Amino acid sequence: MARYFLGIDGGGTKTEAAICDESGRVLGVGLGGASGIDSVGADGAMVGIGAAIDAARREAGLHEAQFASVFFGMAGVVSEADRAIVRDVAQRLALGDAIHVDHDIRIALAGGLSGRPGIALIAGTGSSCFGMNAAGARWQAGGWGHLISDEGSSYWFGWNAIRLAAGAGDGRWQSALYAPVMRQLGIEGVADLHQRLYTQGVSKAEIAGFAPLVMEAATAGDALALGLIRQGVQELALMVTAVARKLGWAAAPCEVTLTGGLWRAGEIVLAPFRAALAEMAPQARIVMPELPPVIGACVLALQAGSVIVDAAVRGRLSAYKELL
């Protein structure tokens, strides 16, 4: 009997699901809404995850099949209590008995380096850094949620974009961010800001949506936007340096894979990040992701199901692009 495996990448903005067989052939992928439990709660996570799985099942033609193993990589999952919430969601969705849950950086590493030891740095809606060495030791830096952390993330850039626009509006400084931020908020000017943010409310995902305005302003030469990028990438490089030091790579070479929507901004972010990392951790080598996090989740689901993920399996997993 054929065995099927499910990988989930659940974030603060969207959820991706991928189904593969034990040979590594990706049969279906699907997209759903946000499922980060710290963003949308358990019920919201169930909706986002369920939609992604349903879409993947339709593409795979596996509407009723049970999964031999499921691996969830979920934003905001850092404790056993968090994992229990996700397992409960999986039970309500009737996904099978072999349910495995970890944070989304774990699947970013598994995909980005195709299972090799190293470090993964996520800069998406949130930010975090995670590494695992050859001995299996793990360490995480950052990723403690938007209230106290998420430095260098799209949320962090978006929050700061609104903050800088407010200061430009009341005359504390000058910035090209003022007009586009007011326009995206749908308000006339800074006098309407308080009502828009605190009475109407604005979600974490909406705030993250202001990050591209920082990149656009920086590209046009805005000094405050450029300074914000320098600050953000310094924070991201600091996370990598902390993980490298804890896992024995303070001087030894290590690979660092980057994932998350922020990097799609290109060289306006990548160039200062490379410079910051070269200064703090010159032994680190940046590797762009070999597989996306959702396929990394499939790798971990296969391994949890006692499948050896060798070169042949990795090769079939890499053909996922035909489905996207």
Protein backbone atom coordinates (compact mmCIF):
# COMPACT_ATOMS: atom_id res chain seq x y z
CA MET A 1 0.00 0.00 0.00
CA ALA A 2 1.32 3.44 -0.93
CA ARG A 3 2.30 5.73 1.89
CA TYR A 4 1.79 9.49 1.74
CA PHE A 5 3.50 12.24 3.69
CA LEU A 6 2.40 15.79 4.45
CA GLY A 7 4.51 18.86 5.12
CA ILE A 8 3.06 22.13 6.45
CA ASP A 9 4.66 25.58 6.53
CA GLY A 10 2.42 27.75 8.68
CA GLY A 11 3.15 31.47 8.94
CA GLY A 12 1.71 34.75 10.04
CA THR A 13 0.57 35.61 6.51
CA LYS A 14 -0.01 32.33 4.68
CA THR A 15 0.10 28.54 4.98
CA GLU A 16 1.59 26.10 2.48
CA ALA A 17 1.00 22.35 2.34
CA ALA A 18 2.79 19.73 0.25
CA ILE A 19 2.00 16.04 -0.17
CA CYS A 20 4.62 13.53 -1.33
CA ASP A 21 4.97 9.76 -1.57
CA GLU A 22 7.78 7.77 0.01
CA SER A 23 9.90 8.04 -3.13
CA GLY A 24 9.96 11.83 -2.66
CA ARG A 25 7.65 12.59 -5.57
CA VAL A 26 5.64 15.73 -4.75
CA LEU A 27 2.03 15.03 -5.68
CA GLY A 28 0.28 18.23 -4.69
CA VAL A 29 0.83 21.62 -3.11
CA GLY A 30 -1.74 24.00 -1.68
CA LEU A 31 -2.03 27.48 -0.23
CA GLY A 32 -4.16 28.74 2.65
CA GLY A 33 -4.42 31.80 4.87
CA ALA A 34 -2.44 32.67 7.99
CA SER A 35 -1.97 29.96 10.62
CA GLY A 36 0.59 31.33 13.06
CA ILE A 37 -1.09 30.63 16.38
CA ASP A 38 0.22 33.85 17.90
CA SER A 39 -1.41 35.75 15.02
CA VAL A 40 -4.76 34.02 14.44
CA GLY A 41 -5.21 31.59 17.36
CA ALA A 42 -6.08 27.89 17.18
CA ASP A 43 -9.36 28.32 15.29
CA GLY A 44 -7.80 30.64 12.72
CA ALA A 45 -4.87 28.24 12.34
CA MET A 46 -7.27 25.40 11.65
CA VAL A 47 -8.91 27.39 8.85
CA GLY A 48 -5.59 28.31 7.21
CA ILE A 49 -4.11 24.83 7.54
CA GLY A 50 -7.32 23.13 6.41
CA ALA A 51 -7.54 25.28 3.28
CA ALA A 52 -3.92 24.56 2.34
CA ILE A 53 -4.34 20.80 2.85
CA ASP A 54 -7.61 20.70 0.91
CA ALA A 55 -5.92 22.45 -2.03
CA ALA A 56 -2.96 20.04 -1.91
CA ARG A 57 -5.30 17.04 -1.70
CA ARG A 58 -7.24 18.23 -4.75
CA GLU A 59 -4.07 18.63 -6.78
CA ALA A 60 -2.81 15.21 -5.66
CA GLY A 61 -6.18 13.49 -6.14
CA LEU A 62 -5.99 12.16 -2.57
CA HIS A 63 -9.18 13.41 -0.99
CA GLU A 64 -9.52 10.77 1.73
CA ALA A 65 -6.02 9.31 2.14
CA GLN A 66 -4.48 9.21 5.60
CA PHE A 67 -0.89 10.31 6.01
CA ALA A 68 1.88 8.03 7.26
CA SER A 69 3.59 11.04 8.80
CA VAL A 70 2.89 14.78 9.05
CA PHE A 71 5.39 17.49 9.92
CA PHE A 72 4.22 20.96 10.91
CA GLY A 73 6.69 23.84 10.79
CA MET A 74 4.77 26.65 12.48
CA ALA A 75 5.56 30.28 13.16
CA GLY A 76 5.23 31.15 16.84
CA VAL A 77 5.67 27.57 18.07
CA VAL A 78 8.43 27.65 20.70
CA SER A 79 7.07 25.66 23.65
CA GLU A 80 5.43 22.32 24.36
CA ALA A 81 2.16 24.15 25.05
CA ASP A 82 2.34 25.62 21.54
CA ARG A 83 2.99 22.18 20.05
CA ALA A 84 -0.01 20.78 21.90
CA ILE A 85 -2.25 23.42 20.28
CA VAL A 86 -1.04 22.44 16.81
CA ARG A 87 -1.44 18.72 17.55
CA ASP A 88 -5.02 19.40 18.62
CA VAL A 89 -5.65 21.18 15.31
CA ALA A 90 -4.17 18.17 13.46
CA GLN A 91 -6.46 15.83 15.40
CA ARG A 92 -9.51 17.94 14.54
CA LEU A 93 -8.48 17.78 10.88
CA ALA A 94 -8.08 13.97 11.11
CA LEU A 95 -4.64 13.91 9.51
CA GLY A 96 -3.43 10.63 11.06
CA ASP A 97 -1.61 9.52 14.19
CA ALA A 98 2.02 10.40 13.38
CA ILE A 99 2.00 14.16 13.95
CA HIS A 100 5.27 16.06 14.45
CA VAL A 101 5.45 19.77 15.29
CA ASP A 102 8.31 22.26 15.48
CA HIS A 103 8.91 25.92 14.69
CA ASP A 104 9.07 27.12 11.10
CA ILE A 105 12.82 27.73 11.24
CA ARG A 106 13.38 23.98 11.58
CA ILE A 107 11.77 23.30 8.20
CA ALA A 108 13.55 26.31 6.68
CA LEU A 109 16.86 24.68 7.64
CA ALA A 110 15.82 21.23 6.43
CA GLY A 111 14.82 22.66 3.06
CA GLY A 112 17.41 25.38 2.66
CA LEU A 113 20.41 23.08 3.17
CA SER A 114 18.72 19.83 2.06
CA GLY A 115 19.22 18.36 5.52
CA ARG A 116 22.85 19.40 6.08
CA PRO A 117 23.97 20.91 9.41
CA GLY A 118 23.95 24.69 9.44
CA ILE A 119 21.91 27.76 10.23
CA ALA A 120 18.61 29.07 8.86
CA LEU A 121 17.66 32.73 9.11
CA ILE A 122 14.01 33.62 8.54
CA ALA A 123 13.01 37.17 7.71
CA GLY A 124 9.36 37.06 6.75
CA THR A 125 6.37 38.43 8.63
CA GLY A 126 8.47 37.62 11.71
CA SER A 127 12.15 36.85 12.13
CA SER A 128 14.13 34.11 13.84
CA CYS A 129 17.32 32.11 13.51
CA PHE A 130 17.89 28.42 14.16
CA GLY A 131 20.82 26.09 13.78
CA MET A 132 21.65 22.43 14.18
CA ASN A 133 25.18 21.02 14.12
CA ALA A 134 26.41 17.57 13.07
CA ALA A 135 26.00 16.28 16.63
CA GLY A 136 22.33 17.26 16.65
CA ALA A 137 22.73 20.16 19.09
CA ARG A 138 20.21 22.97 18.42
CA TRP A 139 20.00 26.65 19.21
CA GLN A 140 17.57 29.45 18.44
CA ALA A 141 18.10 33.20 18.58
CA GLY A 142 15.28 35.69 18.11
CA GLY A 143 11.80 34.65 17.14
CA TRP A 144 10.19 35.58 20.44
CA GLY A 145 7.19 37.26 18.85
CA HIS A 146 6.35 40.74 17.64
CA LEU A 147 5.79 42.24 21.10
CA ILE A 148 9.44 41.91 22.11
CA SER A 149 11.36 40.53 19.13
CA ASP A 150 11.03 39.93 15.35
CA GLU A 151 13.83 42.41 14.65
CA GLY A 152 14.60 42.83 10.95
CA SER A 153 11.33 41.19 9.90
CA SER A 154 8.67 42.57 7.58
CA TYR A 155 6.58 43.34 10.67
CA TRP A 156 9.50 45.19 12.26
CA PHE A 157 10.12 47.20 9.09
CA GLY A 158 6.40 47.89 8.68
CA TRP A 159 5.98 49.03 12.29
CA ASN A 160 8.96 51.32 11.93
CA ALA A 161 7.66 52.66 8.62
CA ILE A 162 4.47 53.80 10.34
CA ARG A 163 6.49 55.19 13.26
CA LEU A 164 8.77 57.18 10.96
CA ALA A 165 5.80 58.42 8.93
CA ALA A 166 4.16 59.67 12.14
CA GLY A 167 7.29 61.61 13.03
CA ALA A 168 7.50 63.06 9.53
CA GLY A 169 3.86 64.09 9.78
CA ASP A 170 4.22 65.95 13.07
CA GLY A 171 7.46 67.65 12.04
CA ARG A 172 10.09 65.76 14.03
CA TRP A 173 11.98 64.71 10.90
CA GLN A 174 11.71 64.46 7.14
CA SER A 175 11.04 61.22 5.28
CA ALA A 176 9.60 60.14 1.94
CA LEU A 177 7.67 57.47 3.85
CA TYR A 178 4.97 59.88 4.99
CA ALA A 179 2.81 60.06 1.88
CA PRO A 180 2.87 56.35 0.92
CA VAL A 181 2.22 55.22 4.50
CA MET A 182 -0.78 57.55 4.85
CA ARG A 183 -2.05 56.36 1.48
CA GLN A 184 -1.72 52.68 2.39
CA LEU A 185 -3.49 53.30 5.71
CA GLY A 186 -6.27 55.02 3.78
CA ILE A 187 -6.13 58.24 5.78
CA GLU A 188 -5.60 61.90 4.91
CA GLY A 189 -2.80 62.65 7.35
CA VAL A 190 -1.19 62.16 10.74
CA ALA A 191 -4.21 63.60 12.59
CA ASP A 192 -6.18 60.51 11.54
CA LEU A 193 -3.44 58.06 12.57
CA HIS A 194 -4.54 57.41 16.14
CA GLN A 195 -8.12 56.57 15.17
CA ARG A 196 -6.95 54.30 12.32
CA LEU A 197 -4.50 52.33 14.43
CA TYR A 198 -6.19 52.15 17.82
CA THR A 199 -9.91 52.40 17.10
CA GLN A 200 -10.21 50.61 13.77
CA GLY A 201 -7.19 48.41 14.52
CA VAL A 202 -4.47 46.99 12.31
CA SER A 203 -3.30 43.37 12.18
CA LYS A 204 0.22 42.01 12.35
CA ALA A 205 -0.01 40.94 8.70
CA GLU A 206 -1.22 44.41 7.67
CA ILE A 207 1.70 46.05 9.44
CA ALA A 208 4.12 43.66 7.71
CA GLY A 209 2.65 44.87 4.42
CA PHE A 210 4.30 48.27 4.95
CA ALA A 211 7.82 46.82 4.68
CA PRO A 212 8.01 47.25 0.88
CA LEU A 213 7.48 51.00 1.38
CA VAL A 214 10.73 51.11 3.35
CA MET A 215 12.56 49.34 0.52
CA GLU A 216 11.12 51.72 -2.06
CA ALA A 217 12.05 54.79 -0.02
CA ALA A 218 15.56 53.45 0.59
CA THR A 219 16.04 52.76 -3.12
CA ALA A 220 15.10 56.38 -3.76
CA GLY A 221 17.77 57.48 -1.26
CA ASP A 222 15.66 58.32 1.82
CA ALA A 223 18.12 58.61 4.72
CA LEU A 224 15.75 57.33 7.43
CA ALA A 225 14.74 54.31 5.36
CA LEU A 226 18.38 53.48 4.62
CA GLY A 227 19.21 53.78 8.31
CA LEU A 228 16.34 51.47 9.17
CA ILE A 229 17.65 48.81 6.79
CA ARG A 230 21.13 49.07 8.30
CA GLN A 231 19.67 48.61 11.77
CA GLY A 232 17.48 45.70 10.71
CA VAL A 233 20.23 43.70 9.00
CA GLN A 234 22.56 44.28 11.95
CA GLU A 235 19.95 42.63 14.17
CA LEU A 236 19.61 39.71 11.75
CA ALA A 237 23.38 39.24 11.55
CA LEU A 238 23.54 39.31 15.35
CA MET A 239 21.08 36.40 15.50
CA VAL A 240 23.23 34.33 13.14
CA THR A 241 26.36 35.15 15.14
CA ALA A 242 24.72 34.07 18.40
CA VAL A 243 23.63 30.72 16.95
CA ALA A 244 27.02 30.08 15.34
CA ARG A 245 28.79 30.76 18.63
CA LYS A 246 26.49 28.45 20.62
CA LEU A 247 26.90 25.55 18.15
CA GLY A 248 30.67 25.64 17.87
CA TRP A 249 31.02 27.70 14.72
CA ALA A 250 32.59 30.78 16.31
CA ALA A 251 35.61 30.27 14.05
CA ALA A 252 34.74 27.15 12.05
CA PRO A 253 33.06 27.44 8.62
CA CYS A 254 29.29 27.12 8.54
CA GLU A 255 26.48 27.51 6.01
CA VAL A 256 23.65 29.99 6.51
CA THR A 257 20.50 29.73 4.43
CA LEU A 258 18.09 32.65 4.06
CA THR A 259 14.35 32.35 3.73
CA GLY A 260 11.30 34.60 4.06
CA GLY A 261 9.63 37.26 1.97
CA LEU A 262 11.90 40.10 3.08
CA TRP A 263 14.79 38.79 0.97
CA ARG A 264 12.73 39.24 -2.18
CA ALA A 265 13.54 42.95 -1.87
CA GLY A 266 16.93 42.00 -3.35
CA GLU A 267 20.22 43.82 -3.02
CA ILE A 268 18.79 46.77 -1.08
CA VAL A 269 18.63 44.32 1.86
CA LEU A 270 21.04 41.57 0.82
CA ALA A 271 24.07 43.81 0.27
CA PRO A 272 24.06 45.43 3.74
CA PHE A 273 23.23 42.07 5.33
CA ARG A 274 26.23 40.42 3.66
CA ALA A 275 28.42 43.27 4.88
CA ALA A 276 27.10 43.01 8.45
CA LEU A 277 27.53 39.22 8.54
CA ALA A 278 31.06 39.43 7.08
CA GLU A 279 32.00 41.76 9.91
CA MET A 280 30.38 39.77 12.73
CA ALA A 281 30.84 36.18 11.48
CA PRO A 282 33.33 36.05 8.57
CA GLN A 283 33.39 32.24 8.72
CA ALA A 284 29.71 32.03 7.70
CA ARG A 285 28.82 31.36 4.06
CA ILE A 286 25.41 32.41 2.77
CA VAL A 287 23.55 29.72 0.78
CA MET A 288 20.30 30.60 -0.93
CA PRO A 289 17.61 27.95 -0.24
CA GLU A 290 17.95 24.71 -2.15
CA LEU A 291 14.36 23.71 -1.30
CA PRO A 292 11.56 25.86 0.15
CA PRO A 293 10.48 25.39 3.78
CA VAL A 294 7.32 23.46 2.87
CA ILE A 295 9.44 20.86 1.06
CA GLY A 296 11.77 20.90 4.06
CA ALA A 297 8.70 19.89 6.09
CA CYS A 298 8.23 16.97 3.68
CA VAL A 299 11.88 15.96 4.25
CA LEU A 300 11.28 15.86 8.01
CA ALA A 301 7.95 14.02 7.59
CA LEU A 302 9.71 11.38 5.47
CA GLN A 303 12.53 11.00 7.99
CA ALA A 304 10.01 10.72 10.83
CA GLY A 305 8.38 7.92 8.82
CA SER A 306 11.70 6.03 8.63
CA VAL A 307 12.34 6.93 4.98
CA ILE A 308 16.01 7.53 4.12
CA VAL A 309 16.18 10.85 2.30
CA ASP A 310 19.07 10.11 -0.04
CA ALA A 311 20.18 11.89 -3.22
CA ALA A 312 17.48 10.18 -5.31
CA VAL A 313 14.69 11.22 -2.92
CA ARG A 314 16.06 14.78 -2.72
CA GLY A 315 16.17 14.91 -6.51
CA ARG A 316 12.49 13.99 -6.78
CA LEU A 317 11.58 16.47 -4.05
CA SER A 318 13.37 19.22 -5.97
CA ALA A 319 11.00 18.68 -8.90
CA TYR A 320 8.26 20.34 -6.82
CA LYS A 321 8.70 23.48 -8.96
CA GLU A 322 6.64 21.85 -11.71
CA LEU A 323 3.60 22.12 -9.42
CA LEU A 324 4.02 25.77 -8.49
